[in-house]
Amino acid sequence: MDMENGYKILRQISDDDKKADAAVLSIGSQEELKEKQKQWRSLWLDMLGDMPEKTPLQPQITGKIRCEGYTVEKILFQSLPGIYVTGYLYLPDDPRFRAPYPGLLLVNGHSDPGKLHDRYCDMAVMAVKSGFAVFTPDPYSQGERVQRSAKYPWKGCAVEHASLGARSWLVGWNFARFRIWDAVRSIDYMETRPELDLSKLAVAGCSGGGTMSTYMQAFDDRIKVACPSCYVSSLREVIGERGVHDAEQFFFGQLPRGFNHAVMLAMGQPRTALMLDARHSDYFPIAGIRSTTALIEKFRDKLGIKTPFALFSSDGSHGWPLCGRTATLSWLEYTVKGKESRFCKNLRGKPVLDIEALRGIADQTPPIPFPEAGRTVTPTGQVRDLLGFKSLYTLIAEEADRLQKSRKIDRSRLRDIVRKYAGIHPLDQLPPEPEAFQHDFKWWYLSGSEGISVEQYAAILAVEGRSLIGERAEMFLRKALAEKKANGGKPVPLRAEGDLCIAAAHAYAAEPQLFSSVEFKNPPKSWTGMLTDPDPVHDSFAVTVWGALKEYDWTDLVPKNIKKKETSAK
């Protein structure tokens, strides 16, 4: 989509993304970078909803799989009490390699098999056969970590991620909070193993794993080498061409606050040796990775950063083909072990990838090299069957309940609170009716009650720190102003049906003097009620306001003593 001549919201995204890029390039020294990294981290933690406290991992080795040249240990630990993480630890058995082995955290992309996806499994085998100890955990909703009850239909890991993302939104959490925390605790587990050398800890992954690789090199100082594949681009390219992606890949208000892909890469410098891997036909456009790569190279040159940095791009569609996995392994061998290879050699003191040789590798993925029987870490193959299991749905509902019990509604402040959270302008500053936003982007995972297109638009607004609820509340206010004028200046009735009742309630709280009465037909549950309902079918970003439950539930916005009528369909 043409960002320059297209919709106003996309032009704003493009402008803000470029400003964030320019802020990275404006940094004048490594000392200034350190201070900026502290600011970025504080900002990011705020958008994530901060991090939990560390609790005992209670790790277990539930079994071993013996393979030729390596052993796979089946690992179970708790990243939070009752939040079970399943994973494989690949350890070399080849006498060429001696412990402690260099550590690699391999983070999986979106795939229902999780750690048993054939390409991620092959990457782990390639690395362990080269002398790395590889820990590869199942992400939430993947492999053995499905979160929803078995009574609700399973539609794939990305659908559950979006469901959890929409629920997290209301309590002021981003789903990435939990993904990052699992990765942090995975490294904590790796540190307990004397067979592992984490002095040059590496992280690698593709797609959703490329997202987490990028995040972890920015978030955790223990990461020294990172190989994100098929994620890094630019937000103006990604959103302009594809719309907003997965729930953990966007943050509320990130662009007005200057937080984009370039910032996340700069957060890991100069500590991290970084190789970016990209495909030419991808969800994450190649033009964006080229512009971001050029920016980071210029930024590094300006600051005199000497740690290795490279880009490998290849033909083909989204994914981690053998050429990309080989490039990753070659980069790891050089930056972690100092070993040159056919594909990565020292040239004037810097590692240089042989791009053409890598691109010439024919794609193939061998079958998983150990028997299907006995692969699971847990007895049934799902953590939800373990004693003491707590789902992320439950954790979010518990936080909503805690907020409900702790908050006190101060109606004298409610107008300002609602304006702040939902982004509603004062009457004398109401913007004109927003342009109709027609698009063919695919918010693949949630449809809510209004469909994919509305969900996608709500997510795009969120990147700019705006809410669809706020935009729709302003629609009610504009209508009320016009009706009041036509009514001789008298207050007018406020009527809404279904999900629009949430926006109407916000309009009332922002400007109660406009309305004589309130009528809601078939109103949805309270937000807290939505989060305590285990059925995920109605989960939606379009009906949420980021972090609002810290101050109010939408059902609190119209006082009980106001003339209000609620009706239900017969």
Protein backbone atom coordinates (compact mmCIF):
# COMPACT_ATOMS: atom_id res chain seq x y z
CA MET A 1 0.00 0.00 0.00
CA ASP A 2 1.27 3.51 -0.83
CA MET A 3 2.13 4.98 2.56
CA GLU A 4 2.74 8.48 1.20
CA ASN A 5 -0.57 8.85 -0.63
CA GLY A 6 -2.72 6.38 1.28
CA TYR A 7 -4.60 6.54 4.54
CA LYS A 8 -3.76 9.14 7.16
CA ILE A 9 -3.07 6.48 9.82
CA LEU A 10 -0.53 4.79 7.53
CA ARG A 11 1.14 8.11 6.73
CA GLN A 12 1.42 8.75 10.46
CA ILE A 13 2.96 5.31 11.00
CA SER A 14 5.48 5.98 8.24
CA ASP A 15 6.40 9.39 9.66
CA ASP A 16 6.79 8.08 13.22
CA ASP A 17 8.80 5.06 12.09
CA LYS A 18 11.22 7.35 10.22
CA LYS A 19 11.50 9.60 13.30
CA ALA A 20 12.43 6.58 15.42
CA ASP A 21 15.08 5.65 12.82
CA ALA A 22 16.44 9.19 12.88
CA ALA A 23 16.66 9.10 16.68
CA VAL A 24 18.89 6.03 16.47
CA LEU A 25 21.15 7.74 13.95
CA SER A 26 21.35 10.87 16.09
CA ILE A 27 23.20 9.04 18.88
CA GLY A 28 26.71 10.45 18.96
CA SER A 29 28.75 8.10 21.15
CA GLN A 30 28.71 4.73 22.87
CA GLU A 31 28.28 6.52 26.22
CA GLU A 32 25.17 8.25 24.87
CA LEU A 33 23.99 4.89 23.53
CA LYS A 34 24.20 3.34 27.02
CA GLU A 35 21.99 6.08 28.42
CA LYS A 36 19.57 5.74 25.52
CA GLN A 37 19.41 1.97 26.03
CA LYS A 38 18.34 2.52 29.65
CA GLN A 39 15.55 4.83 28.46
CA TRP A 40 14.44 2.37 25.79
CA ARG A 41 14.39 -0.49 28.28
CA SER A 42 12.26 1.50 30.72
CA LEU A 43 9.88 2.42 27.90
CA TRP A 44 9.69 -1.18 26.69
CA LEU A 45 9.01 -2.53 30.18
CA ASP A 46 6.13 -0.07 30.45
CA MET A 47 4.66 -1.28 27.15
CA LEU A 48 5.17 -4.92 28.16
CA GLY A 49 3.51 -4.42 31.54
CA ASP A 50 6.78 -4.94 33.42
CA MET A 51 8.16 -8.37 34.31
CA PRO A 52 7.26 -10.88 37.04
CA GLU A 53 9.48 -11.78 39.99
CA LYS A 54 11.69 -14.83 39.58
CA THR A 55 10.41 -17.95 41.34
CA PRO A 56 11.96 -21.43 41.72
CA LEU A 57 12.29 -23.23 38.38
CA GLN A 58 11.75 -26.68 39.90
CA PRO A 59 13.44 -28.30 36.88
CA GLN A 60 13.09 -31.96 35.96
CA ILE A 61 14.68 -34.24 33.38
CA THR A 62 11.77 -36.49 32.44
CA GLY A 63 13.65 -38.69 30.01
CA LYS A 64 16.42 -38.99 27.43
CA ILE A 65 16.55 -39.82 23.73
CA ARG A 66 19.82 -41.35 22.56
CA CYS A 67 20.85 -40.40 19.04
CA GLU A 68 23.96 -40.83 16.93
CA GLY A 69 26.48 -38.27 18.18
CA TYR A 70 24.18 -36.54 20.67
CA THR A 71 21.59 -37.01 23.42
CA VAL A 72 18.28 -35.19 23.76
CA GLU A 73 17.17 -34.58 27.33
CA LYS A 74 13.48 -33.90 27.94
CA ILE A 75 13.24 -30.86 30.23
CA LEU A 76 10.36 -29.55 32.34
CA PHE A 77 10.47 -26.41 34.51
CA GLN A 78 8.14 -23.66 35.75
CA SER A 79 8.75 -20.12 34.48
CA LEU A 80 6.10 -18.97 37.00
CA PRO A 81 4.30 -21.08 39.60
CA GLY A 82 2.14 -23.53 37.65
CA ILE A 83 3.32 -22.20 34.28
CA TYR A 84 5.10 -25.25 32.89
CA VAL A 85 7.70 -25.03 30.11
CA THR A 86 8.62 -28.11 28.09
CA GLY A 87 11.78 -28.31 26.04
CA TYR A 88 14.64 -30.35 24.65
CA LEU A 89 18.26 -29.96 25.63
CA TYR A 90 20.53 -31.32 22.90
CA LEU A 91 23.99 -32.32 24.22
CA PRO A 92 26.90 -33.53 22.06
CA ASP A 93 28.18 -37.11 22.55
CA ASP A 94 30.85 -36.85 19.86
CA PRO A 95 34.34 -37.24 21.38
CA ARG A 96 35.54 -34.33 19.19
CA PHE A 97 33.72 -31.98 21.57
CA ARG A 98 34.28 -31.53 25.28
CA ALA A 99 32.12 -29.94 27.93
CA PRO A 100 31.39 -27.21 28.71
CA TYR A 101 29.74 -26.80 25.31
CA PRO A 102 28.81 -23.36 23.93
CA GLY A 103 25.12 -22.66 24.55
CA LEU A 104 22.46 -21.88 21.96
CA LEU A 105 18.90 -20.90 22.81
CA LEU A 106 16.81 -21.92 19.80
CA VAL A 107 13.43 -20.16 19.88
CA ASN A 108 10.70 -21.65 17.74
CA GLY A 109 8.50 -19.83 15.27
CA HIS A 110 4.73 -20.17 15.01
CA SER A 111 4.09 -23.85 14.40
CA ASP A 112 1.78 -26.18 16.26
CA PRO A 113 4.48 -28.88 16.73
CA GLY A 114 6.74 -26.38 18.53
CA LYS A 115 10.13 -27.96 19.29
CA LEU A 116 9.24 -30.84 16.93
CA HIS A 117 8.74 -28.70 13.82
CA ASP A 118 11.01 -30.36 11.28
CA ARG A 119 13.05 -27.25 10.32
CA TYR A 120 13.66 -26.13 13.89
CA CYS A 121 14.50 -29.68 14.89
CA ASP A 122 16.98 -29.89 12.01
CA MET A 123 18.58 -26.59 13.08
CA ALA A 124 19.07 -28.04 16.57
CA VAL A 125 20.61 -31.22 15.16
CA MET A 126 22.93 -29.24 12.86
CA ALA A 127 24.11 -27.19 15.84
CA VAL A 128 24.56 -30.06 18.30
CA LYS A 129 26.54 -32.02 15.69
CA SER A 130 28.81 -28.96 15.47
CA GLY A 131 29.46 -29.02 19.21
CA PHE A 132 26.76 -26.68 20.57
CA ALA A 133 24.48 -27.47 23.50
CA VAL A 134 21.05 -26.42 22.26
CA PHE A 135 18.00 -25.70 24.40
CA THR A 136 14.78 -25.43 22.45
CA PRO A 137 11.61 -24.79 24.52
CA ASP A 138 8.02 -25.03 23.37
CA PRO A 139 6.44 -21.56 23.20
CA TYR A 140 3.00 -21.00 24.66
CA SER A 141 0.27 -22.75 22.64
CA GLN A 142 2.80 -24.89 20.77
CA GLY A 143 3.98 -28.46 21.19
CA GLU A 144 3.02 -29.55 24.69
CA ARG A 145 1.86 -26.11 25.89
CA VAL A 146 -1.71 -25.60 24.66
CA GLN A 147 -3.31 -23.23 27.17
CA ARG A 148 -7.04 -23.47 26.57
CA SER A 149 -9.16 -26.26 27.94
CA ALA A 150 -9.62 -29.28 25.69
CA LYS A 151 -13.38 -28.55 25.64
CA TYR A 152 -12.80 -25.53 23.34
CA PRO A 153 -11.99 -26.09 19.65
CA TRP A 154 -8.31 -25.84 18.72
CA LYS A 155 -7.63 -23.56 15.73
CA GLY A 156 -3.85 -23.34 15.89
CA CYS A 157 -1.15 -21.70 17.98
CA ALA A 158 -1.35 -18.27 16.34
CA VAL A 159 -5.08 -18.04 17.06
CA GLU A 160 -4.43 -18.79 20.73
CA HIS A 161 -1.60 -16.24 20.81
CA ALA A 162 -3.97 -13.57 19.51
CA SER A 163 -6.64 -14.62 22.00
CA LEU A 164 -4.16 -14.33 24.88
CA GLY A 165 -2.88 -11.07 23.44
CA ALA A 166 -6.32 -9.46 23.41
CA ARG A 167 -6.99 -10.58 26.97
CA SER A 168 -3.59 -9.37 28.21
CA TRP A 169 -4.33 -5.96 26.68
CA LEU A 170 -7.06 -5.08 29.20
CA VAL A 171 -4.84 -5.52 32.27
CA GLY A 172 -1.96 -3.57 30.72
CA TRP A 173 0.13 -6.54 29.62
CA ASN A 174 1.47 -7.43 26.19
CA PHE A 175 1.63 -11.13 25.28
CA ALA A 176 5.34 -10.60 24.51
CA ARG A 177 5.81 -10.17 28.27
CA PHE A 178 5.26 -13.90 28.75
CA ARG A 179 7.23 -14.96 25.68
CA ILE A 180 10.24 -12.94 26.83
CA TRP A 181 9.90 -14.19 30.39
CA ASP A 182 9.94 -17.82 29.23
CA ALA A 183 13.13 -17.12 27.27
CA VAL A 184 14.73 -15.39 30.28
CA ARG A 185 13.88 -18.36 32.49
CA SER A 186 15.16 -20.74 29.80
CA ILE A 187 18.54 -19.04 30.05
CA ASP A 188 18.29 -19.26 33.84
CA TYR A 189 17.81 -23.01 33.42
CA MET A 190 20.73 -23.27 31.02
CA GLU A 191 22.89 -21.56 33.66
CA THR A 192 22.16 -24.41 36.08
CA ARG A 193 23.80 -26.93 33.75
CA PRO A 194 27.59 -27.24 34.24
CA GLU A 195 27.90 -28.84 30.79
CA LEU A 196 27.07 -25.49 29.18
CA ASP A 197 29.37 -22.56 28.57
CA LEU A 198 27.27 -19.40 28.35
CA SER A 199 30.15 -16.93 28.03
CA LYS A 200 29.12 -16.42 24.40
CA LEU A 201 25.47 -17.39 24.66
CA ALA A 202 23.72 -17.32 21.28
CA VAL A 203 20.06 -17.10 20.30
CA ALA A 204 18.52 -17.98 16.94
CA GLY A 205 15.09 -18.51 15.42
CA CYS A 206 12.86 -17.83 12.45
CA SER A 207 9.57 -15.93 12.11
CA GLY A 208 8.09 -15.92 15.62
CA GLY A 209 11.51 -17.23 16.64
CA GLY A 210 13.11 -14.39 14.70
CA THR A 211 10.91 -12.03 16.72
CA MET A 212 12.08 -13.59 19.99
CA SER A 213 15.73 -13.64 18.87
CA THR A 214 15.49 -9.91 18.17
CA TYR A 215 13.79 -9.29 21.49
CA MET A 216 16.25 -11.34 23.52
CA GLN A 217 19.39 -9.71 22.09
CA ALA A 218 17.78 -6.41 23.11
CA PHE A 219 16.43 -7.53 26.48
CA ASP A 220 18.94 -9.90 28.08
CA ASP A 221 22.59 -8.92 28.55
CA ARG A 222 23.60 -12.58 28.64
CA ILE A 223 23.03 -12.87 24.88
CA LYS A 224 26.29 -12.27 22.96
CA VAL A 225 25.36 -13.60 19.48
CA ALA A 226 21.98 -13.39 17.73
CA CYS A 227 20.65 -14.72 14.43
CA PRO A 228 17.06 -13.50 13.87
CA SER A 229 15.50 -14.83 10.69
CA CYS A 230 12.38 -13.51 8.91
CA TYR A 231 11.31 -10.79 11.34
CA VAL A 232 13.39 -7.61 11.17
CA SER A 233 12.13 -5.10 8.61
CA SER A 234 10.62 -1.66 9.22
CA LEU A 235 7.19 -1.02 10.68
CA ARG A 236 6.26 1.30 7.83
CA GLU A 237 6.96 -1.49 5.33
CA VAL A 238 5.39 -4.27 7.40
CA ILE A 239 2.19 -2.40 8.25
CA GLY A 240 1.97 -0.65 4.88
CA GLU A 241 2.12 -3.94 2.99
CA ARG A 242 0.82 -6.53 5.41
CA GLY A 243 -0.85 -4.82 8.35
CA VAL A 244 -0.10 -5.66 11.96
CA HIS A 245 1.00 -9.22 12.64
CA ASP A 246 1.01 -11.36 15.78
CA ALA A 247 -0.04 -10.19 19.24
CA GLU A 248 3.54 -10.17 20.56
CA GLN A 249 4.85 -8.22 17.56
CA PHE A 250 3.23 -4.85 18.27
CA PHE A 251 3.00 -2.64 21.35
CA PHE A 252 0.44 -0.04 22.33
CA GLY A 253 1.70 3.45 21.45
CA GLN A 254 5.12 2.24 20.38
CA LEU A 255 5.66 4.53 17.40
CA PRO A 256 4.74 7.88 19.01
CA ARG A 257 7.17 6.83 21.74
CA GLY A 258 9.91 6.11 19.22
CA PHE A 259 10.14 2.32 19.51
CA ASN A 260 10.66 0.32 16.32
CA HIS A 261 12.79 -2.44 14.78
CA ALA A 262 15.89 -0.28 14.48
CA VAL A 263 15.64 0.61 18.17
CA MET A 264 15.46 -3.05 19.17
CA LEU A 265 18.61 -3.82 17.17
CA ALA A 266 20.41 -0.82 18.66
CA MET A 267 19.52 -2.03 22.16
CA GLY A 268 21.79 -5.05 21.70
CA GLN A 269 24.80 -3.10 20.44
CA PRO A 270 27.78 -3.25 20.83
CA ARG A 271 27.37 -6.38 22.98
CA THR A 272 25.82 -8.62 20.32
CA ALA A 273 27.32 -10.09 17.18
CA LEU A 274 24.31 -9.96 14.88
CA MET A 275 23.37 -11.73 11.66
CA LEU A 276 20.03 -10.87 10.07
CA ASP A 277 18.43 -13.45 7.78
CA ALA A 278 15.67 -12.51 5.33
CA ARG A 279 13.65 -13.88 2.43
CA HIS A 280 12.73 -11.88 -0.66
CA SER A 281 9.04 -12.87 -0.59
CA ASP A 282 8.02 -12.54 3.01
CA TYR A 283 5.53 -11.26 5.56
CA PHE A 284 8.37 -8.93 6.59
CA PRO A 285 9.22 -6.98 3.42
CA ILE A 286 12.77 -7.12 2.07
CA ALA A 287 12.75 -3.34 1.42
CA GLY A 288 12.32 -2.79 5.14
CA ILE A 289 15.18 -5.04 6.15
CA ARG A 290 17.44 -3.37 3.60
CA SER A 291 16.67 0.10 4.93
CA THR A 292 17.03 -1.01 8.55
CA THR A 293 20.27 -2.87 7.83
CA ALA A 294 21.72 0.20 6.11
CA LEU A 295 20.68 2.35 9.07
CA ILE A 296 22.28 0.00 11.62
CA GLU A 297 25.49 -0.22 9.60
CA LYS A 298 25.69 3.59 9.49
CA PHE A 299 24.89 3.80 13.21
CA ARG A 300 27.61 1.24 14.05
CA ASP A 301 30.20 2.96 11.87
CA LYS A 302 29.44 6.32 13.49
CA LEU A 303 29.90 4.88 16.98
CA GLY A 304 32.92 2.74 16.08
CA ILE A 305 31.20 -0.55 16.99
CA LYS A 306 33.37 -3.50 15.94
CA THR A 307 31.32 -6.56 16.88
CA PRO A 308 30.40 -8.64 13.82
CA PHE A 309 27.30 -7.71 11.82
CA ALA A 310 25.93 -9.18 8.58
CA LEU A 311 22.84 -9.64 6.44
CA PHE A 312 22.01 -12.81 4.53
CA SER A 313 19.03 -12.64 2.19
CA SER A 314 17.78 -15.35 -0.10
CA ASP A 315 15.07 -15.97 -2.67
CA GLY A 316 11.84 -17.65 -1.77
CA SER A 317 8.95 -17.22 0.61
CA HIS A 318 8.75 -16.93 4.37
CA GLY A 319 10.55 -19.62 6.36
CA TRP A 320 13.90 -21.10 7.33
CA PRO A 321 15.26 -23.00 4.32
CA LEU A 322 18.47 -25.00 4.46
CA CYS A 323 20.49 -22.06 3.09
CA GLY A 324 19.26 -19.89 5.97
CA ARG A 325 19.94 -22.58 8.56
CA THR A 326 23.41 -23.08 7.10
CA ALA A 327 24.11 -19.34 7.20
CA THR A 328 23.00 -19.30 10.84
CA LEU A 329 25.23 -22.23 11.78
CA SER A 330 28.22 -20.76 9.91
CA TRP A 331 27.75 -17.44 11.72
CA LEU A 332 27.50 -19.20 15.09
CA GLU A 333 30.61 -21.26 14.46
CA TYR A 334 32.62 -18.16 13.61
CA THR A 335 31.33 -15.72 16.24
CA VAL A 336 31.06 -18.21 19.11
CA LYS A 337 33.86 -20.68 18.37
CA GLY A 338 36.14 -18.65 16.08
CA LYS A 339 35.86 -21.33 13.40
CA GLU A 340 35.92 -20.42 9.71
CA SER A 341 33.95 -22.46 7.21
CA ARG A 342 33.25 -22.63 3.51
CA PHE A 343 30.39 -20.16 4.01
CA CYS A 344 31.84 -17.74 6.59
CA LYS A 345 35.48 -16.63 6.46
CA ASN A 346 37.64 -13.97 8.02
CA LEU A 347 38.29 -11.12 5.63
CA ARG A 348 40.46 -8.30 6.97
CA GLY A 349 39.48 -9.15 10.53
CA LYS A 350 35.74 -9.43 9.88
CA PRO A 351 33.51 -12.46 9.21
CA VAL A 352 32.15 -12.39 5.68
CA LEU A 353 29.37 -14.67 4.46
CA ASP A 354 29.66 -16.23 1.01
CA ILE A 355 26.19 -15.15 -0.09
CA GLU A 356 26.24 -16.77 -3.51
CA ALA A 357 27.46 -20.12 -2.19
CA LEU A 358 24.76 -20.09 0.48
CA ARG A 359 22.05 -19.19 -2.02
CA GLY A 360 23.13 -22.15 -4.12
CA ILE A 361 22.19 -24.67 -1.42
CA ALA A 362 19.14 -26.67 -2.49
CA ASP A 363 16.40 -26.60 0.12
CA GLN A 364 15.66 -29.79 2.00
CA THR A 365 14.56 -30.75 5.48
CA PRO A 366 15.31 -34.26 6.73
CA PRO A 367 12.77 -36.09 8.87
CA ILE A 368 13.06 -35.84 12.66
CA PRO A 369 15.91 -38.25 13.49
CA PHE A 370 14.46 -39.98 16.55
CA PRO A 371 11.47 -42.27 17.03
CA GLU A 372 7.99 -40.86 17.44
CA ALA A 373 7.34 -42.99 20.51
CA GLY A 374 8.67 -41.39 23.66
CA ARG A 375 9.13 -37.89 22.28
CA THR A 376 6.95 -36.05 24.78
CA VAL A 377 8.31 -34.39 27.89
CA THR A 378 5.03 -34.86 29.79
CA PRO A 379 3.13 -38.14 30.23
CA THR A 380 0.15 -37.11 28.06
CA GLY A 381 1.92 -34.69 25.74
CA GLN A 382 0.19 -31.61 27.25
CA VAL A 383 1.18 -29.56 30.30
CA ARG A 384 -2.48 -28.80 31.01
CA ASP A 385 -2.78 -32.36 32.34
CA LEU A 386 -0.05 -31.86 34.97
CA LEU A 387 -0.88 -31.45 38.64
CA GLY A 388 -0.75 -27.77 39.58
CA PHE A 389 -0.97 -26.52 35.98
CA LYS A 390 -2.05 -22.90 35.61
CA SER A 391 -2.97 -21.56 32.18
CA LEU A 392 -2.13 -18.09 30.99
CA TYR A 393 -5.89 -17.54 30.67
CA THR A 394 -6.14 -18.12 34.42
CA LEU A 395 -3.18 -15.85 35.16
CA ILE A 396 -4.78 -12.98 33.22
CA ALA A 397 -8.16 -13.55 34.90
CA GLU A 398 -6.49 -13.50 38.31
CA GLU A 399 -4.88 -10.16 37.49
CA ALA A 400 -8.25 -8.76 36.38
CA ASP A 401 -9.78 -9.92 39.65
CA ARG A 402 -6.93 -8.37 41.65
CA LEU A 403 -7.40 -5.06 39.84
CA GLN A 404 -11.15 -5.14 40.41
CA LYS A 405 -10.67 -5.62 44.14
CA SER A 406 -8.01 -2.93 44.45
CA ARG A 407 -9.44 -0.08 42.38
CA LYS A 408 -11.76 2.61 43.66
CA ILE A 409 -13.79 4.59 41.14
CA ASP A 410 -13.39 8.33 41.68
CA ARG A 411 -16.15 9.82 39.53
CA SER A 412 -14.66 13.29 39.88
CA ARG A 413 -11.61 12.04 37.95
CA LEU A 414 -13.39 9.61 35.63
CA ARG A 415 -13.67 12.02 32.70
CA ASP A 416 -9.91 12.61 32.63
CA ILE A 417 -9.14 8.91 33.18
CA VAL A 418 -11.38 7.79 30.31
CA ARG A 419 -9.98 10.43 27.98
CA LYS A 420 -6.45 9.33 28.85
CA TYR A 421 -6.94 5.59 28.42
CA ALA A 422 -9.32 5.58 25.45
CA GLY A 423 -7.81 8.65 23.76
CA ILE A 424 -10.99 10.75 23.65
CA HIS A 425 -10.54 14.43 22.79
CA PRO A 426 -12.34 17.27 24.61
CA LEU A 427 -15.42 18.50 22.76
CA ASP A 428 -13.71 21.64 21.45
CA GLN A 429 -10.94 19.47 19.99
CA LEU A 430 -12.98 16.64 18.50
CA PRO A 431 -11.42 15.53 15.22
CA PRO A 432 -13.60 15.19 12.13
CA GLU A 433 -15.16 11.86 11.22
CA PRO A 434 -12.26 9.46 10.47
CA GLU A 435 -11.85 8.24 6.93
CA ALA A 436 -13.22 4.82 6.10
CA PHE A 437 -10.33 2.39 6.27
CA GLN A 438 -10.83 -0.30 3.64
CA HIS A 439 -8.02 -2.81 3.33
CA ASP A 440 -7.25 -6.39 2.44
CA PHE A 441 -4.75 -7.00 5.23
CA LYS A 442 -5.19 -10.32 6.95
CA TRP A 443 -5.35 -10.20 10.73
CA TRP A 444 -5.31 -13.93 10.45
CA TYR A 445 -6.13 -14.99 13.95
CA LEU A 446 -9.06 -13.10 15.52
CA SER A 447 -12.38 -12.12 14.04
CA GLY A 448 -14.17 -10.92 17.18
CA SER A 449 -17.80 -10.06 16.61
CA GLU A 450 -17.14 -7.75 13.63
CA GLY A 451 -14.61 -9.64 11.55
CA ILE A 452 -10.96 -9.67 10.59
CA SER A 453 -10.95 -6.22 8.96
CA VAL A 454 -12.11 -4.45 12.13
CA GLU A 455 -9.62 -6.40 14.27
CA GLN A 456 -6.78 -5.37 11.97
CA TYR A 457 -7.80 -1.71 12.06
CA ALA A 458 -7.97 -1.77 15.87
CA ALA A 459 -4.45 -3.22 15.98
CA ILE A 460 -3.09 -0.60 13.56
CA LEU A 461 -4.60 2.18 15.67
CA ALA A 462 -2.96 0.65 18.75
CA VAL A 463 0.54 0.99 17.28
CA GLU A 464 -0.13 4.75 17.23
CA GLY A 465 -1.47 4.73 20.80
CA ARG A 466 -5.11 5.01 19.78
CA SER A 467 -8.10 2.78 20.46
CA LEU A 468 -11.06 1.87 18.31
CA ILE A 469 -13.22 2.31 21.42
CA GLY A 470 -12.03 5.92 21.69
CA GLU A 471 -12.60 6.59 18.00
CA ARG A 472 -16.12 5.20 18.23
CA ALA A 473 -16.83 7.13 21.44
CA GLU A 474 -16.01 10.31 19.52
CA MET A 475 -18.50 9.19 16.86
CA PHE A 476 -21.21 9.13 19.56
CA LEU A 477 -20.11 12.56 20.80
CA ARG A 478 -20.25 14.15 17.35
CA LYS A 479 -23.73 12.71 16.83
CA ALA A 480 -24.87 13.91 20.28
CA LEU A 481 -23.60 17.45 19.60
CA ALA A 482 -25.54 17.60 16.35
CA GLU A 483 -28.73 16.21 17.94
CA LYS A 484 -28.43 18.54 20.94
CA LYS A 485 -28.18 21.54 18.64
CA ALA A 486 -31.24 20.38 16.72
CA ASN A 487 -33.02 19.80 20.07
CA GLY A 488 -32.67 23.39 21.23
CA GLY A 489 -29.64 22.70 23.39
CA LYS A 490 -31.29 20.01 25.52
CA PRO A 491 -29.47 16.75 26.41
CA VAL A 492 -30.29 13.80 24.16
CA PRO A 493 -30.76 10.05 24.67
CA LEU A 494 -27.74 7.77 24.24
CA ARG A 495 -28.56 4.47 22.58
CA ALA A 496 -26.26 1.63 21.53
CA GLU A 497 -26.41 -2.07 20.79
CA GLY A 498 -23.96 -4.96 21.20
CA ASP A 499 -20.26 -4.18 21.37
CA LEU A 500 -20.96 -0.52 20.57
CA CYS A 501 -22.31 -0.21 24.12
CA ILE A 502 -18.69 -0.14 25.32
CA ALA A 503 -17.85 2.89 23.17
CA ALA A 504 -21.14 4.57 24.11
CA ALA A 505 -20.36 4.15 27.82
CA HIS A 506 -17.01 5.85 27.21
CA ALA A 507 -18.77 8.71 25.43
CA TYR A 508 -21.06 9.14 28.42
CA ALA A 509 -18.17 9.14 30.91
CA ALA A 510 -16.27 11.70 28.82
CA GLU A 511 -19.22 14.11 28.38
CA PRO A 512 -22.16 13.13 30.63
CA GLN A 513 -23.85 16.55 30.27
CA LEU A 514 -24.75 15.73 26.66
CA PHE A 515 -27.06 12.84 27.54
CA SER A 516 -30.52 12.65 29.12
CA SER A 517 -30.72 8.87 29.34
CA VAL A 518 -28.86 5.72 28.36
CA GLU A 519 -30.25 2.65 26.61
CA PHE A 520 -28.08 -0.40 25.90
CA LYS A 521 -29.45 -3.31 23.88
CA ASN A 522 -27.71 -6.69 24.21
CA PRO A 523 -24.66 -5.21 25.94
CA PRO A 524 -21.60 -7.46 26.25
CA LYS A 525 -20.20 -8.65 29.54
CA SER A 526 -18.00 -6.46 31.65
CA TRP A 527 -14.34 -6.65 30.69
CA THR A 528 -13.63 -8.56 33.89
CA GLY A 529 -16.43 -10.94 32.97
CA MET A 530 -14.90 -11.44 29.53
CA LEU A 531 -11.56 -12.38 31.09
CA THR A 532 -13.04 -14.81 33.58
CA ASP A 533 -14.98 -16.56 30.79
CA PRO A 534 -12.73 -19.41 29.62
CA ASP A 535 -14.38 -19.56 26.19
CA PRO A 536 -12.03 -17.66 23.83
CA VAL A 537 -14.44 -17.38 20.90
CA HIS A 538 -15.32 -13.72 21.55
CA ASP A 539 -11.79 -12.45 22.28
CA SER A 540 -11.14 -9.22 20.41
CA PHE A 541 -8.79 -6.24 20.29
CA ALA A 542 -11.63 -4.12 18.92
CA VAL A 543 -13.52 -4.04 22.24
CA THR A 544 -10.52 -3.37 24.49
CA VAL A 545 -8.74 -0.34 25.89
CA TRP A 546 -5.11 -0.87 26.80
CA GLY A 547 -4.63 -1.15 30.57
CA ALA A 548 -8.08 0.25 31.38
CA LEU A 549 -8.83 -2.31 34.10
CA LYS A 550 -6.20 -0.62 36.25
CA GLU A 551 -8.70 2.24 36.65
CA TYR A 552 -12.17 1.11 35.56
CA ASP A 553 -14.31 -1.52 33.90
CA TRP A 554 -16.50 -0.32 31.06
CA THR A 555 -19.61 -1.19 33.06
CA ASP A 556 -18.51 1.33 35.72
CA LEU A 557 -18.80 4.26 33.34
CA VAL A 558 -22.54 4.91 33.57
CA PRO A 559 -23.66 5.51 37.18
CA LYS A 560 -26.41 3.25 38.46
CA ASN A 561 -28.60 6.25 39.37
CA ILE A 562 -28.70 7.43 35.74
CA LYS A 563 -31.82 6.50 33.82
CA LYS A 564 -30.51 3.45 32.02
CA LYS A 565 -32.32 0.70 30.18
CA GLU A 566 -30.70 -2.58 29.21
CA THR A 567 -32.55 -4.94 26.91
CA SER A 568 -31.74 -8.33 25.50
CA ALA A 569 -32.85 -10.03 22.34
CA LYS A 570 -35.82 -12.34 22.79
